[in-house]
Amino acid sequence: MDDYPDFVVEEAQRLLGLLSGAPFSDCAPLTRKFNELPPRPGLYAFKHQGLGILYIGKSTNIRARLRGGHKALGWAFIDRMNPEDVRIAHISLSFEWNRVSYQLEQVMIRRIQPPYNDR
């Protein structure tokens, strides 16, 4: 994990804390259009009410990314998860952090190893 500069690792840990600590009720519900998600660059996490973070991803447009379909939604369906128990936490990124979003995402995935990122 130390393949990245310390400032990237520290920011990834901070952002992971925000995503994992976001109250479930404040996260965006699963919908067809995902209007509650921003059309901006950022990081997002599929969260299960009882199981925690299932998947972490990044996108240049979070809303468009999920409107276009997502493999984590398919896996949740296959695993027979109740859609009411799955929501999406998100964080918009500034231009500075968007440039290293891949590194942030990789540090976060390595840190908690969400089950749907491994499939």
PDB file of N, CA and C in Angstrom:
ATOM      1  N   MET A   1       0.824  -1.186   0.000  1.00  0.00           N
ATOM      2  CA  MET A   1       0.000   0.000   0.000  1.00  0.00           C
ATOM      3  C   MET A   1       0.866   1.248   0.000  1.00  0.00           C
ATOM      4  N   ASP A   2       2.080   1.138   0.422  1.00  0.00           N
ATOM      5  CA  ASP A   2       2.945   2.299   0.504  1.00  0.00           C
ATOM      6  C   ASP A   2       3.565   2.643  -0.846  1.00  0.00           C
ATOM      7  N   ASP A   3       2.965   2.140  -1.943  1.00  0.00           N
ATOM      8  CA  ASP A   3       3.437   2.472  -3.282  1.00  0.00           C
ATOM      9  C   ASP A   3       3.101   3.918  -3.631  1.00  0.00           C
ATOM     10  N   TYR A   4       2.225   4.524  -2.866  1.00  0.00           N
ATOM     11  CA  TYR A   4       1.761   5.879  -3.139  1.00  0.00           C
ATOM     12  C   TYR A   4       2.354   6.844  -2.122  1.00  0.00           C
ATOM     13  N   PRO A   5       2.450   8.127  -2.506  1.00  0.00           N
ATOM     14  CA  PRO A   5       2.975   9.127  -1.565  1.00  0.00           C
ATOM     15  C   PRO A   5       2.128   9.195  -0.288  1.00  0.00           C
ATOM     16  N   ASP A   6       2.771   9.561   0.795  1.00  0.00           N
ATOM     17  CA  ASP A   6       2.086   9.640   2.094  1.00  0.00           C
ATOM     18  C   ASP A   6       0.848  10.525   2.050  1.00  0.00           C
ATOM     19  N   PHE A   7       0.920  11.649   1.333  1.00  0.00           N
ATOM     20  CA  PHE A   7      -0.232  12.551   1.309  1.00  0.00           C
ATOM     21  C   PHE A   7      -1.440  11.894   0.638  1.00  0.00           C
ATOM     22  N   VAL A   8      -1.199  11.006  -0.334  1.00  0.00           N
ATOM     23  CA  VAL A   8      -2.304  10.294  -0.992  1.00  0.00           C
ATOM     24  C   VAL A   8      -2.889   9.263  -0.036  1.00  0.00           C
ATOM     25  N   VAL A   9      -2.043   8.527   0.648  1.00  0.00           N
ATOM     26  CA  VAL A   9      -2.506   7.514   1.605  1.00  0.00           C
ATOM     27  C   VAL A   9      -3.304   8.174   2.727  1.00  0.00           C
ATOM     28  N   GLU A  10      -2.799   9.292   3.244  1.00  0.00           N
ATOM     29  CA  GLU A  10      -3.506   9.989   4.329  1.00  0.00           C
ATOM     30  C   GLU A  10      -4.870  10.500   3.870  1.00  0.00           C
ATOM     31  N   GLU A  11      -4.935  11.057   2.674  1.00  0.00           N
ATOM     32  CA  GLU A  11      -6.214  11.559   2.161  1.00  0.00           C
ATOM     33  C   GLU A  11      -7.171  10.401   1.885  1.00  0.00           C
ATOM     34  N   ALA A  12      -6.658   9.300   1.363  1.00  0.00           N
ATOM     35  CA  ALA A  12      -7.505   8.130   1.112  1.00  0.00           C
ATOM     36  C   ALA A  12      -8.103   7.611   2.413  1.00  0.00           C
ATOM     37  N   GLN A  13      -7.316   7.570   3.460  1.00  0.00           N
ATOM     38  CA  GLN A  13      -7.821   7.110   4.760  1.00  0.00           C
ATOM     39  C   GLN A  13      -8.876   8.066   5.309  1.00  0.00           C
ATOM     40  N   ARG A  14      -8.665   9.361   5.129  1.00  0.00           N
ATOM     41  CA  ARG A  14      -9.649  10.348   5.578  1.00  0.00           C
ATOM     42  C   ARG A  14     -10.961  10.182   4.819  1.00  0.00           C
ATOM     43  N   LEU A  15     -10.865  10.053   3.501  1.00  0.00           N
ATOM     44  CA  LEU A  15     -12.066   9.892   2.675  1.00  0.00           C
ATOM     45  C   LEU A  15     -12.775   8.577   2.965  1.00  0.00           C
ATOM     46  N   LEU A  16     -12.021   7.530   3.198  1.00  0.00           N
ATOM     47  CA  LEU A  16     -12.615   6.245   3.553  1.00  0.00           C
ATOM     48  C   LEU A  16     -13.399   6.364   4.854  1.00  0.00           C
ATOM     49  N   GLY A  17     -12.855   7.108   5.798  1.00  0.00           N
ATOM     50  CA  GLY A  17     -13.566   7.346   7.047  1.00  0.00           C
ATOM     51  C   GLY A  17     -14.882   8.073   6.820  1.00  0.00           C
ATOM     52  N   LEU A  18     -14.889   9.024   5.886  1.00  0.00           N
ATOM     53  CA  LEU A  18     -16.124   9.746   5.573  1.00  0.00           C
ATOM     54  C   LEU A  18     -17.149   8.837   4.902  1.00  0.00           C
ATOM     55  N   LEU A  19     -16.696   8.028   3.955  1.00  0.00           N
ATOM     56  CA  LEU A  19     -17.619   7.120   3.264  1.00  0.00           C
ATOM     57  C   LEU A  19     -18.177   6.064   4.210  1.00  0.00           C
ATOM     58  N   SER A  20     -17.303   5.444   4.985  1.00  0.00           N
ATOM     59  CA  SER A  20     -17.769   4.373   5.879  1.00  0.00           C
ATOM     60  C   SER A  20     -18.558   4.930   7.056  1.00  0.00           C
ATOM     61  N   GLY A  21     -18.253   6.157   7.466  1.00  0.00           N
ATOM     62  CA  GLY A  21     -18.949   6.747   8.600  1.00  0.00           C
ATOM     63  C   GLY A  21     -20.230   7.484   8.242  1.00  0.00           C
ATOM     64  N   ALA A  22     -20.509   7.623   6.951  1.00  0.00           N
ATOM     65  CA  ALA A  22     -21.735   8.323   6.533  1.00  0.00           C
ATOM     66  C   ALA A  22     -22.944   7.550   7.036  1.00  0.00           C
ATOM     67  N   PRO A  23     -23.852   8.209   7.750  1.00  0.00           N
ATOM     68  CA  PRO A  23     -25.053   7.506   8.215  1.00  0.00           C
ATOM     69  C   PRO A  23     -25.828   6.934   7.028  1.00  0.00           C
ATOM     70  N   PHE A  24     -26.294   5.711   7.184  1.00  0.00           N
ATOM     71  CA  PHE A  24     -27.018   5.036   6.117  1.00  0.00           C
ATOM     72  C   PHE A  24     -28.177   5.892   5.622  1.00  0.00           C
ATOM     73  N   SER A  25     -28.854   6.549   6.522  1.00  0.00           N
ATOM     74  CA  SER A  25     -30.016   7.368   6.141  1.00  0.00           C
ATOM     75  C   SER A  25     -29.628   8.571   5.284  1.00  0.00           C
ATOM     76  N   ASP A  26     -28.369   8.989   5.337  1.00  0.00           N
ATOM     77  CA  ASP A  26     -27.904  10.118   4.532  1.00  0.00           C
ATOM     78  C   ASP A  26     -27.397   9.699   3.155  1.00  0.00           C
ATOM     79  N   CYS A  27     -27.262   8.413   2.919  1.00  0.00           N
ATOM     80  CA  CYS A  27     -26.757   7.916   1.646  1.00  0.00           C
ATOM     81  C   CYS A  27     -27.887   7.874   0.618  1.00  0.00           C
ATOM     82  N   ALA A  28     -27.528   7.947  -0.654  1.00  0.00           N
ATOM     83  CA  ALA A  28     -28.507   7.970  -1.737  1.00  0.00           C
ATOM     84  C   ALA A  28     -29.120   6.580  -1.937  1.00  0.00           C
ATOM     85  N   PRO A  29     -30.438   6.532  -2.036  1.00  0.00           N
ATOM     86  CA  PRO A  29     -31.088   5.238  -2.284  1.00  0.00           C
ATOM     87  C   PRO A  29     -30.877   4.788  -3.729  1.00  0.00           C
ATOM     88  N   LEU A  30     -31.101   3.518  -3.976  1.00  0.00           N
ATOM     89  CA  LEU A  30     -31.033   2.988  -5.331  1.00  0.00           C
ATOM     90  C   LEU A  30     -32.298   3.420  -6.085  1.00  0.00           C
ATOM     91  N   THR A  31     -32.099   4.039  -7.230  1.00  0.00           N
ATOM     92  CA  THR A  31     -33.207   4.490  -8.071  1.00  0.00           C
ATOM     93  C   THR A  31     -32.818   4.261  -9.530  1.00  0.00           C
ATOM     94  N   ARG A  32     -33.719   4.554 -10.426  1.00  0.00           N
ATOM     95  CA  ARG A  32     -33.404   4.431 -11.857  1.00  0.00           C
ATOM     96  C   ARG A  32     -32.519   5.573 -12.350  1.00  0.00           C
ATOM     97  N   LYS A  33     -32.752   6.780 -11.842  1.00  0.00           N
ATOM     98  CA  LYS A  33     -32.050   7.952 -12.371  1.00  0.00           C
ATOM     99  C   LYS A  33     -30.953   8.487 -11.459  1.00  0.00           C
ATOM    100  N   PHE A  34     -30.920   8.064 -10.213  1.00  0.00           N
ATOM    101  CA  PHE A  34     -29.887   8.489  -9.269  1.00  0.00           C
ATOM    102  C   PHE A  34     -29.760  10.013  -9.185  1.00  0.00           C
ATOM    103  N   ASN A  35     -30.902  10.709  -9.184  1.00  0.00           N
ATOM    104  CA  ASN A  35     -30.898  12.173  -9.137  1.00  0.00           C
ATOM    105  C   ASN A  35     -30.266  12.741  -7.869  1.00  0.00           C
ATOM    106  N   GLU A  36     -30.191  11.964  -6.798  1.00  0.00           N
ATOM    107  CA  GLU A  36     -29.585  12.460  -5.562  1.00  0.00           C
ATOM    108  C   GLU A  36     -28.062  12.468  -5.619  1.00  0.00           C
ATOM    109  N   LEU A  37     -27.492  11.841  -6.643  1.00  0.00           N
ATOM    110  CA  LEU A  37     -26.037  11.811  -6.776  1.00  0.00           C
ATOM    111  C   LEU A  37     -25.568  12.978  -7.639  1.00  0.00           C
ATOM    112  N   PRO A  38     -24.379  13.507  -7.348  1.00  0.00           N
ATOM    113  CA  PRO A  38     -23.894  14.667  -8.096  1.00  0.00           C
ATOM    114  C   PRO A  38     -23.359  14.293  -9.478  1.00  0.00           C
ATOM    115  N   PRO A  39     -23.542  15.180 -10.447  1.00  0.00           N
ATOM    116  CA  PRO A  39     -22.965  14.958 -11.769  1.00  0.00           C
ATOM    117  C   PRO A  39     -21.530  15.497 -11.823  1.00  0.00           C
ATOM    118  N   ARG A  40     -20.762  15.146 -10.819  1.00  0.00           N
ATOM    119  CA  ARG A  40     -19.389  15.657 -10.672  1.00  0.00           C
ATOM    120  C   ARG A  40     -18.428  14.496 -10.392  1.00  0.00           C
ATOM    121  N   PRO A  41     -17.131  14.773 -10.504  1.00  0.00           N
ATOM    122  CA  PRO A  41     -16.130  13.758 -10.174  1.00  0.00           C
ATOM    123  C   PRO A  41     -16.160  13.424  -8.686  1.00  0.00           C
ATOM    124  N   GLY A  42     -15.894  12.163  -8.393  1.00  0.00           N
ATOM    125  CA  GLY A  42     -15.834  11.791  -6.987  1.00  0.00           C
ATOM    126  C   GLY A  42     -15.655  10.310  -6.770  1.00  0.00           C
ATOM    127  N   LEU A  43     -15.738   9.967  -5.517  1.00  0.00           N
ATOM    128  CA  LEU A  43     -15.650   8.575  -5.073  1.00  0.00           C
ATOM    129  C   LEU A  43     -17.024   8.178  -4.537  1.00  0.00           C
ATOM    130  N   TYR A  44     -17.361   6.912  -4.684  1.00  0.00           N
ATOM    131  CA  TYR A  44     -18.642   6.430  -4.188  1.00  0.00           C
ATOM    132  C   TYR A  44     -18.463   5.040  -3.599  1.00  0.00           C
ATOM    133  N   ALA A  45     -19.381   4.692  -2.727  1.00  0.00           N
ATOM    134  CA  ALA A  45     -19.338   3.371  -2.098  1.00  0.00           C
ATOM    135  C   ALA A  45     -20.753   2.817  -2.006  1.00  0.00           C
ATOM    136  N   PHE A  46     -20.938   1.586  -2.461  1.00  0.00           N
ATOM    137  CA  PHE A  46     -22.186   0.882  -2.216  1.00  0.00           C
ATOM    138  C   PHE A  46     -22.107   0.377  -0.785  1.00  0.00           C
ATOM    139  N   LYS A  47     -23.088   0.772   0.021  1.00  0.00           N
ATOM    140  CA  LYS A  47     -23.111   0.378   1.428  1.00  0.00           C
ATOM    141  C   LYS A  47     -24.343  -0.467   1.718  1.00  0.00           C
ATOM    142  N   HIS A  48     -24.135  -1.546   2.433  1.00  0.00           N
ATOM    143  CA  HIS A  48     -25.250  -2.368   2.914  1.00  0.00           C
ATOM    144  C   HIS A  48     -25.504  -1.967   4.357  1.00  0.00           C
ATOM    145  N   GLN A  49     -26.772  -1.869   4.712  1.00  0.00           N
ATOM    146  CA  GLN A  49     -27.142  -1.406   6.048  1.00  0.00           C
ATOM    147  C   GLN A  49     -26.485  -2.234   7.158  1.00  0.00           C
ATOM    148  N   GLY A  50     -26.337  -3.526   6.968  1.00  0.00           N
ATOM    149  CA  GLY A  50     -25.760  -4.364   8.009  1.00  0.00           C
ATOM    150  C   GLY A  50     -24.349  -4.849   7.723  1.00  0.00           C
ATOM    151  N   LEU A  51     -23.993  -4.956   6.435  1.00  0.00           N
ATOM    152  CA  LEU A  51     -22.706  -5.529   6.048  1.00  0.00           C
ATOM    153  C   LEU A  51     -21.614  -4.497   5.806  1.00  0.00           C
ATOM    154  N   GLY A  52     -21.978  -3.223   5.732  1.00  0.00           N
ATOM    155  CA  GLY A  52     -20.988  -2.182   5.491  1.00  0.00           C
ATOM    156  C   GLY A  52     -20.713  -1.973   4.014  1.00  0.00           C
ATOM    157  N   ILE A  53     -19.515  -1.525   3.683  1.00  0.00           N
ATOM    158  CA  ILE A  53     -19.163  -1.191   2.300  1.00  0.00           C
ATOM    159  C   ILE A  53     -18.980  -2.462   1.476  1.00  0.00           C
ATOM    160  N   LEU A  54     -19.715  -2.514   0.353  1.00  0.00           N
ATOM    161  CA  LEU A  54     -19.654  -3.645  -0.570  1.00  0.00           C
ATOM    162  C   LEU A  54     -18.736  -3.370  -1.752  1.00  0.00           C
ATOM    163  N   TYR A  55     -18.630  -2.103  -2.126  1.00  0.00           N
ATOM    164  CA  TYR A  55     -17.877  -1.737  -3.330  1.00  0.00           C
ATOM    165  C   TYR A  55     -17.448  -0.275  -3.221  1.00  0.00           C
ATOM    166  N   ILE A  56     -16.239   0.023  -3.691  1.00  0.00           N
ATOM    167  CA  ILE A  56     -15.737   1.401  -3.761  1.00  0.00           C
ATOM    168  C   ILE A  56     -15.355   1.669  -5.207  1.00  0.00           C
ATOM    169  N   GLY A  57     -15.756   2.846  -5.705  1.00  0.00           N
ATOM    170  CA  GLY A  57     -15.421   3.216  -7.067  1.00  0.00           C
ATOM    171  C   GLY A  57     -15.160   4.699  -7.194  1.00  0.00           C
ATOM    172  N   LYS A  58     -14.727   5.096  -8.383  1.00  0.00           N
ATOM    173  CA  LYS A  58     -14.474   6.498  -8.703  1.00  0.00           C
ATOM    174  C   LYS A  58     -15.107   6.773 -10.058  1.00  0.00           C
ATOM    175  N   SER A  59     -15.394   8.030 -10.307  1.00  0.00           N
ATOM    176  CA  SER A  59     -15.978   8.399 -11.589  1.00  0.00           C
ATOM    177  C   SER A  59     -15.780   9.879 -11.836  1.00  0.00           C
ATOM    178  N   THR A  60     -15.749  10.251 -13.103  1.00  0.00           N
ATOM    179  CA  THR A  60     -15.698  11.667 -13.455  1.00  0.00           C
ATOM    180  C   THR A  60     -17.086  12.291 -13.381  1.00  0.00           C
ATOM    181  N   ASN A  61     -18.132  11.460 -13.330  1.00  0.00           N
ATOM    182  CA  ASN A  61     -19.509  11.913 -13.168  1.00  0.00           C
ATOM    183  C   ASN A  61     -20.252  10.790 -12.445  1.00  0.00           C
ATOM    184  N   ILE A  62     -20.398  10.922 -11.140  1.00  0.00           N
ATOM    185  CA  ILE A  62     -20.962   9.838 -10.333  1.00  0.00           C
ATOM    186  C   ILE A  62     -22.375   9.481 -10.799  1.00  0.00           C
ATOM    187  N   ARG A  63     -23.213  10.472 -11.021  1.00  0.00           N
ATOM    188  CA  ARG A  63     -24.598  10.191 -11.425  1.00  0.00           C
ATOM    189  C   ARG A  63     -24.636   9.419 -12.744  1.00  0.00           C
ATOM    190  N   ALA A  64     -23.900   9.884 -13.747  1.00  0.00           N
ATOM    191  CA  ALA A  64     -23.890   9.215 -15.052  1.00  0.00           C
ATOM    192  C   ALA A  64     -23.330   7.801 -14.943  1.00  0.00           C
ATOM    193  N   ARG A  65     -22.334   7.628 -14.104  1.00  0.00           N
ATOM    194  CA  ARG A  65     -21.730   6.290 -13.939  1.00  0.00           C
ATOM    195  C   ARG A  65     -22.764   5.281 -13.477  1.00  0.00           C
ATOM    196  N   LEU A  66     -23.598   5.661 -12.524  1.00  0.00           N
ATOM    197  CA  LEU A  66     -24.575   4.717 -11.992  1.00  0.00           C
ATOM    198  C   LEU A  66     -25.818   4.613 -12.868  1.00  0.00           C
ATOM    199  N   ARG A  67     -26.163   5.675 -13.558  1.00  0.00           N
ATOM    200  CA  ARG A  67     -27.289   5.609 -14.498  1.00  0.00           C
ATOM    201  C   ARG A  67     -27.008   4.626 -15.619  1.00  0.00           C
ATOM    202  N   GLY A  68     -25.761   4.487 -15.976  1.00  0.00           N
ATOM    203  CA  GLY A  68     -25.371   3.586 -17.061  1.00  0.00           C
ATOM    204  C   GLY A  68     -25.305   2.132 -16.636  1.00  0.00           C
ATOM    205  N   GLY A  69     -25.657   1.834 -15.410  1.00  0.00           N
ATOM    206  CA  GLY A  69     -25.567   0.463 -14.907  1.00  0.00           C
ATOM    207  C   GLY A  69     -24.276   0.266 -14.140  1.00  0.00           C
ATOM    208  N   HIS A  70     -24.268  -0.744 -13.308  1.00  0.00           N
ATOM    209  CA  HIS A  70     -23.078  -1.003 -12.499  1.00  0.00           C
ATOM    210  C   HIS A  70     -23.069  -2.457 -12.080  1.00  0.00           C
ATOM    211  N   LYS A  71     -21.900  -3.084 -12.158  1.00  0.00           N
ATOM    212  CA  LYS A  71     -21.790  -4.493 -11.813  1.00  0.00           C
ATOM    213  C   LYS A  71     -22.147  -4.782 -10.369  1.00  0.00           C
ATOM    214  N   ALA A  72     -21.893  -3.839  -9.463  1.00  0.00           N
ATOM    215  CA  ALA A  72     -22.219  -4.073  -8.050  1.00  0.00           C
ATOM    216  C   ALA A  72     -23.726  -4.232  -7.857  1.00  0.00           C
ATOM    217  N   LEU A  73     -24.520  -3.530  -8.665  1.00  0.00           N
ATOM    218  CA  LEU A  73     -25.973  -3.688  -8.578  1.00  0.00           C
ATOM    219  C   LEU A  73     -26.378  -5.097  -8.995  1.00  0.00           C
ATOM    220  N   GLY A  74     -25.752  -5.591 -10.032  1.00  0.00           N
ATOM    221  CA  GLY A  74     -26.031  -6.964 -10.484  1.00  0.00           C
ATOM    222  C   GLY A  74     -25.653  -7.990  -9.438  1.00  0.00           C
ATOM    223  N   TRP A  75     -24.511  -7.801  -8.798  1.00  0.00           N
ATOM    224  CA  TRP A  75     -24.093  -8.754  -7.770  1.00  0.00           C
ATOM    225  C   TRP A  75     -25.014  -8.713  -6.563  1.00  0.00           C
ATOM    226  N   ALA A  76     -25.450  -7.516  -6.186  1.00  0.00           N
ATOM    227  CA  ALA A  76     -26.389  -7.408  -5.065  1.00  0.00           C
ATOM    228  C   ALA A  76     -27.698  -8.122  -5.400  1.00  0.00           C
ATOM    229  N   PHE A  77     -28.136  -8.018  -6.657  1.00  0.00           N
ATOM    230  CA  PHE A  77     -29.343  -8.720  -7.100  1.00  0.00           C
ATOM    231  C   PHE A  77     -29.125 -10.228  -7.029  1.00  0.00           C
ATOM    232  N   ILE A  78     -28.002 -10.695  -7.554  1.00  0.00           N
ATOM    233  CA  ILE A  78     -27.692 -12.126  -7.538  1.00  0.00           C
ATOM    234  C   ILE A  78     -27.592 -12.639  -6.108  1.00  0.00           C
ATOM    235  N   ASP A  79     -27.027 -11.831  -5.216  1.00  0.00           N
ATOM    236  CA  ASP A  79     -26.914 -12.218  -3.807  1.00  0.00           C
ATOM    237  C   ASP A  79     -28.234 -12.040  -3.060  1.00  0.00           C
ATOM    238  N   ARG A  80     -29.276 -11.617  -3.781  1.00  0.00           N
ATOM    239  CA  ARG A  80     -30.631 -11.462  -3.249  1.00  0.00           C
ATOM    240  C   ARG A  80     -30.710 -10.468  -2.092  1.00  0.00           C
ATOM    241  N   MET A  81     -29.968  -9.391  -2.239  1.00  0.00           N
ATOM    242  CA  MET A  81     -30.030  -8.335  -1.225  1.00  0.00           C
ATOM    243  C   MET A  81     -31.276  -7.496  -1.443  1.00  0.00           C
ATOM    244  N   ASN A  82     -31.883  -7.086  -0.374  1.00  0.00           N
ATOM    245  CA  ASN A  82     -33.028  -6.202  -0.435  1.00  0.00           C
ATOM    246  C   ASN A  82     -32.535  -4.821  -0.878  1.00  0.00           C
ATOM    247  N   PRO A  83     -33.073  -4.262  -1.968  1.00  0.00           N
ATOM    248  CA  PRO A  83     -32.615  -2.942  -2.425  1.00  0.00           C
ATOM    249  C   PRO A  83     -32.750  -1.854  -1.361  1.00  0.00           C
ATOM    250  N   GLU A  84     -33.664  -2.025  -0.426  1.00  0.00           N
ATOM    251  CA  GLU A  84     -33.820  -1.044   0.651  1.00  0.00           C
ATOM    252  C   GLU A  84     -32.638  -1.067   1.616  1.00  0.00           C
ATOM    253  N   ASP A  85     -31.860  -2.152   1.591  1.00  0.00           N
ATOM    254  CA  ASP A  85     -30.711  -2.289   2.480  1.00  0.00           C
ATOM    255  C   ASP A  85     -29.405  -1.828   1.853  1.00  0.00           C
ATOM    256  N   VAL A  86     -29.452  -1.345   0.601  1.00  0.00           N
ATOM    257  CA  VAL A  86     -28.252  -0.905  -0.101  1.00  0.00           C
ATOM    258  C   VAL A  86     -28.433   0.558  -0.506  1.00  0.00           C
ATOM    259  N   ARG A  87     -27.427   1.355  -0.198  1.00  0.00           N
ATOM    260  CA  ARG A  87     -27.432   2.775  -0.561  1.00  0.00           C
ATOM    261  C   ARG A  87     -26.039   3.178  -1.034  1.00  0.00           C
ATOM    262  N   ILE A  88     -25.934   4.405  -1.506  1.00  0.00           N
ATOM    263  CA  ILE A  88     -24.671   4.870  -2.058  1.00  0.00           C
ATOM    264  C   ILE A  88     -24.188   6.111  -1.310  1.00  0.00           C
ATOM    265  N   ALA A  89     -23.024   5.967  -0.699  1.00  0.00           N
ATOM    266  CA  ALA A  89     -22.338   7.106  -0.083  1.00  0.00           C
ATOM    267  C   ALA A  89     -21.426   7.694  -1.152  1.00  0.00           C
ATOM    268  N   HIS A  90     -21.235   9.002  -1.133  1.00  0.00           N
ATOM    269  CA  HIS A  90     -20.399   9.617  -2.162  1.00  0.00           C
ATOM    270  C   HIS A  90     -19.692  10.848  -1.619  1.00  0.00           C
ATOM    271  N   ILE A  91     -18.577  11.158  -2.280  1.00  0.00           N
ATOM    272  CA  ILE A  91     -17.790  12.340  -1.953  1.00  0.00           C
ATOM    273  C   ILE A  91     -17.342  12.956  -3.268  1.00  0.00           C
ATOM    274  N   SER A  92     -17.640  14.219  -3.466  1.00  0.00           N
ATOM    275  CA  SER A  92     -17.146  14.932  -4.642  1.00  0.00           C
ATOM    276  C   SER A  92     -15.676  15.278  -4.418  1.00  0.00           C
ATOM    277  N   LEU A  93     -14.921  15.280  -5.497  1.00  0.00           N
ATOM    278  CA  LEU A  93     -13.493  15.574  -5.406  1.00  0.00           C
ATOM    279  C   LEU A  93     -13.168  16.875  -6.127  1.00  0.00           C
ATOM    280  N   SER A  94     -12.269  17.635  -5.546  1.00  0.00           N
ATOM    281  CA  SER A  94     -11.761  18.837  -6.206  1.00  0.00           C
ATOM    282  C   SER A  94     -10.867  18.410  -7.368  1.00  0.00           C
ATOM    283  N   PHE A  95     -10.559  19.345  -8.249  1.00  0.00           N
ATOM    284  CA  PHE A  95      -9.700  19.046  -9.392  1.00  0.00           C
ATOM    285  C   PHE A  95      -8.374  18.440  -8.934  1.00  0.00           C
ATOM    286  N   GLU A  96      -7.808  19.012  -7.888  1.00  0.00           N
ATOM    287  CA  GLU A  96      -6.518  18.530  -7.374  1.00  0.00           C
ATOM    288  C   GLU A  96      -6.587  17.047  -7.006  1.00  0.00           C
ATOM    289  N   TRP A  97      -7.635  16.662  -6.268  1.00  0.00           N
ATOM    290  CA  TRP A  97      -7.751  15.271  -5.830  1.00  0.00           C
ATOM    291  C   TRP A  97      -8.286  14.365  -6.930  1.00  0.00           C
ATOM    292  N   ASN A  98      -9.049  14.914  -7.854  1.00  0.00           N
ATOM    293  CA  ASN A  98      -9.555  14.094  -8.957  1.00  0.00           C
ATOM    294  C   ASN A  98      -8.397  13.560  -9.801  1.00  0.00           C
ATOM    295  N   ARG A  99      -7.329  14.326  -9.906  1.00  0.00           N
ATOM    296  CA  ARG A  99      -6.160  13.897 -10.684  1.00  0.00           C
ATOM    297  C   ARG A  99      -5.531  12.630 -10.125  1.00  0.00           C
ATOM    298  N   VAL A 100      -5.696  12.376  -8.830  1.00  0.00           N
ATOM    299  CA  VAL A 100      -5.123  11.171  -8.216  1.00  0.00           C
ATOM    300  C   VAL A 100      -6.226  10.240  -7.709  1.00  0.00           C
ATOM    301  N   SER A 101      -7.411  10.337  -8.302  1.00  0.00           N
ATOM    302  CA  SER A 101      -8.550   9.535  -7.821  1.00  0.00           C
ATOM    303  C   SER A 101      -8.290   8.033  -7.938  1.00  0.00           C
ATOM    304  N   TYR A 102      -7.568   7.619  -8.977  1.00  0.00           N
ATOM    305  CA  TYR A 102      -7.252   6.191  -9.109  1.00  0.00           C
ATOM    306  C   TYR A 102      -6.433   5.717  -7.908  1.00  0.00           C
ATOM    307  N   GLN A 103      -5.441   6.493  -7.518  1.00  0.00           N
ATOM    308  CA  GLN A 103      -4.611   6.123  -6.380  1.00  0.00           C
ATOM    309  C   GLN A 103      -5.429   6.114  -5.088  1.00  0.00           C
ATOM    310  N   LEU A 104      -6.278   7.117  -4.909  1.00  0.00           N
ATOM    311  CA  LEU A 104      -7.134   7.156  -3.715  1.00  0.00           C
ATOM    312  C   LEU A 104      -8.002   5.908  -3.655  1.00  0.00           C
ATOM    313  N   GLU A 105      -8.624   5.587  -4.785  1.00  0.00           N
ATOM    314  CA  GLU A 105      -9.498   4.410  -4.851  1.00  0.00           C
ATOM    315  C   GLU A 105      -8.717   3.136  -4.514  1.00  0.00           C
ATOM    316  N   GLN A 106      -7.538   2.980  -5.072  1.00  0.00           N
ATOM    317  CA  GLN A 106      -6.750   1.764  -4.839  1.00  0.00           C
ATOM    318  C   GLN A 106      -6.334   1.619  -3.373  1.00  0.00           C
ATOM    319  N   VAL A 107      -5.931   2.717  -2.750  1.00  0.00           N
ATOM    320  CA  VAL A 107      -5.561   2.667  -1.331  1.00  0.00           C
ATOM    321  C   VAL A 107      -6.766   2.236  -0.499  1.00  0.00           C
ATOM    322  N   MET A 108      -7.934   2.820  -0.790  1.00  0.00           N
ATOM    323  CA  MET A 108      -9.141   2.496  -0.031  1.00  0.00           C
ATOM    324  C   MET A 108      -9.537   1.032  -0.226  1.00  0.00           C
ATOM    325  N   ILE A 109      -9.475   0.540  -1.451  1.00  0.00           N
ATOM    326  CA  ILE A 109      -9.828  -0.856  -1.724  1.00  0.00           C
ATOM    327  C   ILE A 109      -8.877  -1.797  -0.997  1.00  0.00           C
ATOM    328  N   ARG A 110      -7.607  -1.505  -1.061  1.00  0.00           N
ATOM    329  CA  ARG A 110      -6.627  -2.359  -0.368  1.00  0.00           C
ATOM    330  C   ARG A 110      -6.831  -2.346   1.141  1.00  0.00           C
ATOM    331  N   ARG A 111      -7.257  -1.202   1.653  1.00  0.00           N
ATOM    332  CA  ARG A 111      -7.420  -1.053   3.105  1.00  0.00           C
ATOM    333  C   ARG A 111      -8.555  -1.937   3.632  1.00  0.00           C
ATOM    334  N   ILE A 112      -9.716  -1.924   2.960  1.00  0.00           N
ATOM    335  CA  ILE A 112     -10.865  -2.657   3.526  1.00  0.00           C
ATOM    336  C   ILE A 112     -11.306  -3.864   2.697  1.00  0.00           C
ATOM    337  N   GLN A 113     -10.798  -4.012   1.486  1.00  0.00           N
ATOM    338  CA  GLN A 113     -11.100  -5.148   0.622  1.00  0.00           C
ATOM    339  C   GLN A 113     -12.613  -5.436   0.513  1.00  0.00           C
ATOM    340  N   PRO A 114     -13.362  -4.482  -0.053  1.00  0.00           N
ATOM    341  CA  PRO A 114     -14.812  -4.700  -0.194  1.00  0.00           C
ATOM    342  C   PRO A 114     -15.089  -5.935  -1.061  1.00  0.00           C
ATOM    343  N   PRO A 115     -16.064  -6.739  -0.703  1.00  0.00           N
ATOM    344  CA  PRO A 115     -16.291  -7.999  -1.398  1.00  0.00           C
ATOM    345  C   PRO A 115     -16.605  -7.867  -2.881  1.00  0.00           C
ATOM    346  N   TYR A 116     -17.269  -6.812  -3.306  1.00  0.00           N
ATOM    347  CA  TYR A 116     -17.632  -6.696  -4.712  1.00  0.00           C
ATOM    348  C   TYR A 116     -16.517  -6.105  -5.563  1.00  0.00           C
ATOM    349  N   ASN A 117     -15.481  -5.550  -4.975  1.00  0.00           N
ATOM    350  CA  ASN A 117     -14.328  -5.108  -5.747  1.00  0.00           C
ATOM    351  C   ASN A 117     -13.447  -6.281  -6.142  1.00  0.00           C
ATOM    352  N   ASP A 118     -13.586  -7.386  -5.484  1.00  0.00           N
ATOM    353  CA  ASP A 118     -12.717  -8.540  -5.738  1.00  0.00           C
ATOM    354  C   ASP A 118     -13.245  -9.470  -6.802  1.00  0.00           C
ATOM    355  N   ARG A 119     -14.475  -9.343  -7.190  1.00  0.00           N
ATOM    356  CA  ARG A 119     -15.071 -10.332  -8.089  1.00  0.00           C
ATOM    357  C   ARG A 119     -14.579 -10.181  -9.493  1.00  0.00           C
TER     358      ARG A 119
END
